[in-house]
């Protein structure tokens, strides 16, 4: 949205670990698809591993619902097992709705006591 977000320390290493372990990387964002070029360029510029990137269709008032629907469709239609989810505290409900155990849901950023039983 006009700014260049900072890369969190260790973020690229974590994604590379999953990729090196044989997992498919899927970046899921609530950003609209009109930002595709900018987001993909940012990932590349910061040396994130290649992976599928999912965007919301246009502008939406409920990006979390679209994220959950996309991930659920991966599970049911493409028979992809989702083994871990990373995101902000807002994403905890998305990953929980998919049945991920709290040990496989990771908050990126500041820990929030309210979520300590629901994620890492």
N, C-alpha and C. Protein backbone atom coordinates (compact mmCIF):
# COMPACT_ATOMS: atom_id res chain seq x y z
N UNK A 1 0.84 -1.21 0.00
CA UNK A 1 0.00 0.00 0.00
C UNK A 1 0.87 1.25 0.00
N UNK A 2 1.88 1.25 -0.86
CA UNK A 2 2.73 2.42 -0.99
C UNK A 2 3.97 2.40 -0.14
N UNK A 3 4.09 1.45 0.79
CA UNK A 3 5.27 1.39 1.62
C UNK A 3 6.03 0.10 1.33
N UNK A 4 7.27 0.06 1.76
CA UNK A 4 8.10 -1.13 1.58
C UNK A 4 8.24 -1.80 2.94
N UNK A 5 7.42 -2.83 3.20
CA UNK A 5 7.49 -3.48 4.52
C UNK A 5 8.86 -4.09 4.77
N UNK A 6 9.28 -4.04 6.01
CA UNK A 6 10.55 -4.64 6.40
C UNK A 6 10.40 -6.16 6.45
N UNK A 7 11.47 -6.85 6.13
CA UNK A 7 11.50 -8.30 6.23
C UNK A 7 11.87 -8.65 7.66
N UNK A 8 11.09 -9.48 8.29
CA UNK A 8 11.39 -9.89 9.67
C UNK A 8 12.60 -10.79 9.67
N UNK A 9 13.44 -10.62 10.68
CA UNK A 9 14.66 -11.42 10.81
C UNK A 9 14.31 -12.90 10.79
N UNK A 10 14.99 -13.66 9.98
CA UNK A 10 14.79 -15.10 9.91
C UNK A 10 13.65 -15.56 9.02
N UNK A 11 12.84 -14.64 8.50
CA UNK A 11 11.67 -15.03 7.72
C UNK A 11 12.05 -15.82 6.47
N UNK A 12 13.03 -15.34 5.75
CA UNK A 12 13.45 -16.03 4.52
C UNK A 12 14.01 -17.41 4.86
N UNK A 13 14.78 -17.49 5.95
CA UNK A 13 15.34 -18.77 6.37
C UNK A 13 14.25 -19.78 6.71
N UNK A 14 13.20 -19.34 7.36
CA UNK A 14 12.10 -20.24 7.73
C UNK A 14 11.43 -20.78 6.46
N UNK A 15 11.16 -19.90 5.50
CA UNK A 15 10.50 -20.35 4.28
C UNK A 15 11.42 -21.29 3.50
N UNK A 16 12.70 -20.97 3.45
CA UNK A 16 13.66 -21.85 2.77
C UNK A 16 13.74 -23.23 3.45
N UNK A 17 13.66 -23.24 4.78
CA UNK A 17 13.66 -24.52 5.50
C UNK A 17 12.52 -25.41 5.03
N UNK A 18 11.31 -24.84 4.96
CA UNK A 18 10.15 -25.62 4.51
C UNK A 18 10.35 -26.10 3.08
N UNK A 19 10.85 -25.21 2.23
CA UNK A 19 11.07 -25.59 0.83
C UNK A 19 12.13 -26.69 0.73
N UNK A 20 13.23 -26.54 1.45
CA UNK A 20 14.29 -27.54 1.43
C UNK A 20 13.83 -28.88 2.00
N UNK A 21 12.80 -28.85 2.84
CA UNK A 21 12.25 -30.08 3.41
C UNK A 21 11.24 -30.74 2.47
N UNK A 22 11.04 -30.14 1.30
CA UNK A 22 10.17 -30.74 0.28
C UNK A 22 8.74 -30.24 0.25
N UNK A 23 8.44 -29.21 1.02
CA UNK A 23 7.08 -28.69 1.04
C UNK A 23 6.86 -27.65 -0.04
N UNK A 24 5.62 -27.57 -0.54
CA UNK A 24 5.23 -26.54 -1.49
C UNK A 24 4.98 -25.25 -0.71
N UNK A 25 5.50 -24.16 -1.20
CA UNK A 25 5.31 -22.87 -0.55
C UNK A 25 4.13 -22.17 -1.22
N UNK A 26 3.20 -21.71 -0.40
CA UNK A 26 2.05 -20.97 -0.92
C UNK A 26 1.91 -19.70 -0.09
N UNK A 27 2.04 -18.57 -0.75
CA UNK A 27 1.87 -17.28 -0.10
C UNK A 27 0.41 -16.87 -0.32
N UNK A 28 -0.31 -16.62 0.77
CA UNK A 28 -1.72 -16.23 0.69
C UNK A 28 -1.84 -14.85 1.30
N UNK A 29 -2.36 -13.93 0.51
CA UNK A 29 -2.49 -12.56 0.99
C UNK A 29 -3.91 -12.06 0.82
N UNK A 30 -4.29 -11.15 1.67
CA UNK A 30 -5.59 -10.49 1.57
C UNK A 30 -5.54 -9.28 0.64
N UNK A 31 -4.36 -9.05 0.05
CA UNK A 31 -4.23 -7.92 -0.86
C UNK A 31 -4.98 -8.23 -2.16
N UNK A 32 -5.47 -7.18 -2.81
CA UNK A 32 -6.19 -7.40 -4.07
C UNK A 32 -5.24 -7.84 -5.19
N UNK A 33 -5.80 -8.57 -6.15
CA UNK A 33 -5.00 -9.09 -7.25
C UNK A 33 -4.34 -7.99 -8.09
N UNK A 34 -4.83 -6.77 -8.00
CA UNK A 34 -4.21 -5.67 -8.75
C UNK A 34 -2.81 -5.33 -8.22
N UNK A 35 -2.45 -5.86 -7.06
CA UNK A 35 -1.12 -5.64 -6.50
C UNK A 35 -0.16 -6.79 -6.76
N UNK A 36 -0.57 -7.72 -7.63
CA UNK A 36 0.21 -8.92 -7.87
C UNK A 36 1.66 -8.60 -8.23
N UNK A 37 1.87 -7.74 -9.21
CA UNK A 37 3.23 -7.44 -9.65
C UNK A 37 4.08 -6.90 -8.50
N UNK A 38 3.52 -5.99 -7.74
CA UNK A 38 4.26 -5.38 -6.63
C UNK A 38 4.63 -6.41 -5.56
N UNK A 39 3.70 -7.28 -5.19
CA UNK A 39 3.95 -8.26 -4.15
C UNK A 39 4.97 -9.30 -4.61
N UNK A 40 4.81 -9.81 -5.82
CA UNK A 40 5.74 -10.82 -6.34
C UNK A 40 7.14 -10.22 -6.47
N UNK A 41 7.23 -8.97 -6.92
CA UNK A 41 8.53 -8.30 -7.02
C UNK A 41 9.16 -8.13 -5.64
N UNK A 42 8.36 -7.80 -4.63
CA UNK A 42 8.87 -7.64 -3.26
C UNK A 42 9.42 -8.96 -2.75
N UNK A 43 8.68 -10.06 -2.94
CA UNK A 43 9.15 -11.37 -2.50
C UNK A 43 10.49 -11.72 -3.16
N UNK A 44 10.57 -11.47 -4.45
CA UNK A 44 11.80 -11.77 -5.19
C UNK A 44 12.96 -10.88 -4.73
N UNK A 45 12.69 -9.60 -4.58
CA UNK A 45 13.71 -8.64 -4.16
C UNK A 45 14.31 -9.03 -2.81
N UNK A 46 13.53 -9.62 -1.94
CA UNK A 46 13.98 -9.98 -0.60
C UNK A 46 14.39 -11.46 -0.49
N UNK A 47 14.54 -12.11 -1.64
CA UNK A 47 15.06 -13.49 -1.73
C UNK A 47 14.19 -14.56 -1.10
N UNK A 48 12.88 -14.33 -1.07
CA UNK A 48 11.99 -15.39 -0.62
C UNK A 48 11.94 -16.46 -1.71
N UNK A 49 11.83 -17.72 -1.32
CA UNK A 49 11.75 -18.79 -2.32
C UNK A 49 10.51 -18.64 -3.19
N UNK A 50 10.62 -19.16 -4.41
CA UNK A 50 9.47 -19.14 -5.31
C UNK A 50 8.36 -20.00 -4.72
N UNK A 51 7.14 -19.59 -4.98
CA UNK A 51 5.99 -20.34 -4.53
C UNK A 51 4.74 -19.80 -5.20
N UNK A 52 3.65 -20.49 -5.02
CA UNK A 52 2.38 -20.00 -5.53
C UNK A 52 1.97 -18.79 -4.69
N UNK A 53 1.32 -17.81 -5.33
CA UNK A 53 0.86 -16.62 -4.61
C UNK A 53 -0.63 -16.46 -4.89
N UNK A 54 -1.40 -16.37 -3.81
CA UNK A 54 -2.85 -16.21 -3.93
C UNK A 54 -3.25 -14.83 -3.44
N UNK A 55 -4.08 -14.16 -4.23
CA UNK A 55 -4.59 -12.83 -3.90
C UNK A 55 -6.11 -12.88 -3.80
N UNK A 56 -6.68 -11.86 -3.18
CA UNK A 56 -8.13 -11.72 -3.17
C UNK A 56 -8.57 -11.23 -4.55
N UNK A 57 -9.77 -11.59 -4.93
CA UNK A 57 -10.32 -11.12 -6.19
C UNK A 57 -10.80 -9.69 -6.01
N UNK A 58 -10.06 -8.73 -6.56
CA UNK A 58 -10.44 -7.32 -6.42
C UNK A 58 -10.41 -6.87 -4.97
N UNK A 59 -11.12 -5.80 -4.70
CA UNK A 59 -11.21 -5.29 -3.33
C UNK A 59 -12.28 -6.07 -2.59
N UNK A 60 -12.00 -6.42 -1.35
CA UNK A 60 -12.96 -7.19 -0.56
C UNK A 60 -13.06 -6.62 0.84
N UNK A 61 -14.23 -6.81 1.43
CA UNK A 61 -14.44 -6.36 2.81
C UNK A 61 -14.11 -7.47 3.80
N UNK A 62 -13.88 -8.69 3.30
CA UNK A 62 -13.61 -9.82 4.18
C UNK A 62 -12.48 -10.70 3.63
N UNK A 63 -11.25 -10.18 3.66
CA UNK A 63 -10.13 -10.96 3.11
C UNK A 63 -9.87 -12.25 3.87
N UNK A 64 -10.18 -12.29 5.16
CA UNK A 64 -9.95 -13.52 5.93
C UNK A 64 -10.86 -14.64 5.44
N UNK A 65 -12.09 -14.32 5.09
CA UNK A 65 -13.01 -15.33 4.55
C UNK A 65 -12.49 -15.85 3.21
N UNK A 66 -11.95 -14.96 2.38
CA UNK A 66 -11.40 -15.40 1.09
C UNK A 66 -10.17 -16.27 1.28
N UNK A 67 -9.31 -15.91 2.25
CA UNK A 67 -8.14 -16.74 2.54
C UNK A 67 -8.58 -18.14 2.97
N UNK A 68 -9.52 -18.21 3.89
CA UNK A 68 -10.01 -19.50 4.38
C UNK A 68 -10.63 -20.32 3.26
N UNK A 69 -11.42 -19.68 2.41
CA UNK A 69 -12.06 -20.39 1.30
C UNK A 69 -11.02 -20.92 0.31
N UNK A 70 -9.99 -20.12 0.03
CA UNK A 70 -8.94 -20.56 -0.88
C UNK A 70 -8.21 -21.77 -0.30
N UNK A 71 -7.80 -21.68 0.96
CA UNK A 71 -7.06 -22.78 1.58
C UNK A 71 -7.93 -24.03 1.70
N UNK A 72 -9.20 -23.86 2.01
CA UNK A 72 -10.11 -25.00 2.08
C UNK A 72 -10.24 -25.66 0.71
N UNK A 73 -10.29 -24.86 -0.34
CA UNK A 73 -10.40 -25.43 -1.69
C UNK A 73 -9.13 -26.20 -2.06
N UNK A 74 -7.97 -25.74 -1.58
CA UNK A 74 -6.74 -26.50 -1.82
C UNK A 74 -6.84 -27.88 -1.18
N UNK A 75 -7.40 -27.92 0.02
CA UNK A 75 -7.52 -29.19 0.74
C UNK A 75 -8.51 -30.13 0.07
N UNK A 76 -9.66 -29.61 -0.32
CA UNK A 76 -10.72 -30.48 -0.83
C UNK A 76 -10.57 -30.77 -2.32
N UNK A 77 -10.28 -29.77 -3.11
CA UNK A 77 -10.24 -29.96 -4.57
C UNK A 77 -8.88 -30.44 -5.06
N UNK A 78 -7.80 -29.91 -4.50
CA UNK A 78 -6.46 -30.30 -4.94
C UNK A 78 -5.83 -31.35 -4.02
N UNK A 79 -6.54 -31.70 -2.95
CA UNK A 79 -6.07 -32.69 -1.98
C UNK A 79 -4.68 -32.36 -1.44
N UNK A 80 -4.47 -31.09 -1.14
CA UNK A 80 -3.20 -30.62 -0.56
C UNK A 80 -3.36 -30.57 0.96
N UNK A 81 -2.41 -31.15 1.66
CA UNK A 81 -2.40 -31.09 3.12
C UNK A 81 -1.67 -29.84 3.56
N UNK A 82 -2.29 -29.07 4.40
CA UNK A 82 -1.67 -27.86 4.92
C UNK A 82 -1.08 -28.22 6.28
N UNK A 83 0.25 -28.09 6.40
CA UNK A 83 0.92 -28.56 7.62
C UNK A 83 1.30 -27.44 8.57
N UNK A 84 1.37 -26.20 8.07
CA UNK A 84 1.72 -25.07 8.94
C UNK A 84 1.18 -23.79 8.33
N UNK A 85 0.88 -22.84 9.19
CA UNK A 85 0.41 -21.54 8.73
C UNK A 85 1.11 -20.44 9.50
N UNK A 86 1.56 -19.43 8.79
CA UNK A 86 2.23 -18.28 9.39
C UNK A 86 1.43 -17.04 9.04
N UNK A 87 1.33 -16.11 9.97
CA UNK A 87 0.62 -14.86 9.70
C UNK A 87 0.50 -14.01 10.93
N UNK A 88 -0.36 -13.04 10.84
CA UNK A 88 -0.61 -12.15 11.97
C UNK A 88 -1.66 -12.78 12.87
N UNK A 89 -1.97 -12.13 13.96
CA UNK A 89 -3.00 -12.65 14.87
C UNK A 89 -4.34 -12.79 14.15
N UNK A 90 -4.58 -11.97 13.14
CA UNK A 90 -5.83 -12.07 12.39
C UNK A 90 -5.96 -13.40 11.67
N UNK A 91 -4.82 -14.02 11.32
CA UNK A 91 -4.85 -15.26 10.57
C UNK A 91 -5.05 -16.51 11.42
N UNK A 92 -4.96 -16.37 12.74
CA UNK A 92 -5.13 -17.53 13.63
C UNK A 92 -6.47 -18.19 13.38
N UNK A 93 -7.53 -17.42 13.26
CA UNK A 93 -8.86 -17.99 13.05
C UNK A 93 -8.95 -18.72 11.71
N UNK A 94 -8.26 -18.22 10.70
CA UNK A 94 -8.26 -18.86 9.38
C UNK A 94 -7.65 -20.25 9.50
N UNK A 95 -6.47 -20.33 10.10
CA UNK A 95 -5.78 -21.61 10.21
C UNK A 95 -6.49 -22.57 11.17
N UNK A 96 -7.08 -22.04 12.22
CA UNK A 96 -7.85 -22.88 13.14
C UNK A 96 -9.06 -23.49 12.44
N UNK A 97 -9.70 -22.71 11.59
CA UNK A 97 -10.88 -23.20 10.87
C UNK A 97 -10.54 -24.35 9.93
N UNK A 98 -9.26 -24.46 9.56
CA UNK A 98 -8.81 -25.55 8.69
C UNK A 98 -8.43 -26.79 9.50
N UNK A 99 -8.48 -26.66 10.82
CA UNK A 99 -8.15 -27.78 11.67
C UNK A 99 -6.68 -27.89 12.03
N UNK A 100 -5.89 -26.86 11.73
CA UNK A 100 -4.48 -26.89 12.13
C UNK A 100 -4.39 -26.81 13.65
N UNK A 101 -3.53 -27.62 14.22
CA UNK A 101 -3.31 -27.59 15.67
C UNK A 101 -2.54 -26.33 16.04
N UNK A 102 -2.73 -25.81 17.24
CA UNK A 102 -2.01 -24.61 17.68
C UNK A 102 -0.49 -24.72 17.52
N UNK A 103 0.06 -25.91 17.62
CA UNK A 103 1.50 -26.10 17.47
C UNK A 103 1.97 -25.87 16.04
N UNK A 104 1.03 -25.77 15.08
CA UNK A 104 1.38 -25.57 13.68
C UNK A 104 0.91 -24.23 13.13
N UNK A 105 0.45 -23.37 14.04
CA UNK A 105 0.03 -22.01 13.66
C UNK A 105 1.01 -21.05 14.30
N UNK A 106 1.64 -20.21 13.48
CA UNK A 106 2.69 -19.32 13.96
C UNK A 106 2.32 -17.86 13.72
N UNK A 107 2.37 -17.07 14.78
CA UNK A 107 2.19 -15.62 14.64
C UNK A 107 3.54 -15.02 14.29
N UNK A 108 3.54 -14.24 13.25
CA UNK A 108 4.75 -13.53 12.85
C UNK A 108 4.62 -12.13 13.43
N UNK A 109 5.53 -11.81 14.33
CA UNK A 109 5.46 -10.50 14.97
C UNK A 109 5.37 -10.64 16.48
N UNK A 110 4.84 -9.62 17.08
CA UNK A 110 4.75 -9.56 18.53
C UNK A 110 3.75 -10.58 19.06
N UNK A 111 4.17 -11.31 20.07
CA UNK A 111 3.29 -12.29 20.71
C UNK A 111 2.18 -11.58 21.47
N UNK A 112 1.01 -12.13 21.40
CA UNK A 112 -0.14 -11.55 22.08
C UNK A 112 -0.67 -12.60 23.06
N UNK A 113 -0.71 -12.24 24.33
CA UNK A 113 -1.09 -13.18 25.39
C UNK A 113 -2.46 -13.82 25.12
N UNK A 114 -3.36 -13.06 24.56
CA UNK A 114 -4.71 -13.53 24.28
C UNK A 114 -4.70 -14.79 23.40
N UNK A 115 -3.68 -14.96 22.57
CA UNK A 115 -3.63 -16.07 21.62
C UNK A 115 -2.68 -17.19 22.05
N UNK A 116 -2.12 -17.13 23.27
CA UNK A 116 -1.07 -18.07 23.64
C UNK A 116 -1.49 -19.54 23.60
N UNK A 117 -2.77 -19.85 23.72
CA UNK A 117 -3.23 -21.24 23.64
C UNK A 117 -3.64 -21.65 22.22
N UNK A 118 -3.64 -20.70 21.30
CA UNK A 118 -4.14 -20.97 19.96
C UNK A 118 -3.05 -21.05 18.89
N UNK A 119 -1.82 -20.69 19.27
CA UNK A 119 -0.76 -20.65 18.27
C UNK A 119 0.60 -20.54 18.93
N UNK A 120 1.64 -20.51 18.10
CA UNK A 120 3.02 -20.34 18.56
C UNK A 120 3.43 -18.89 18.37
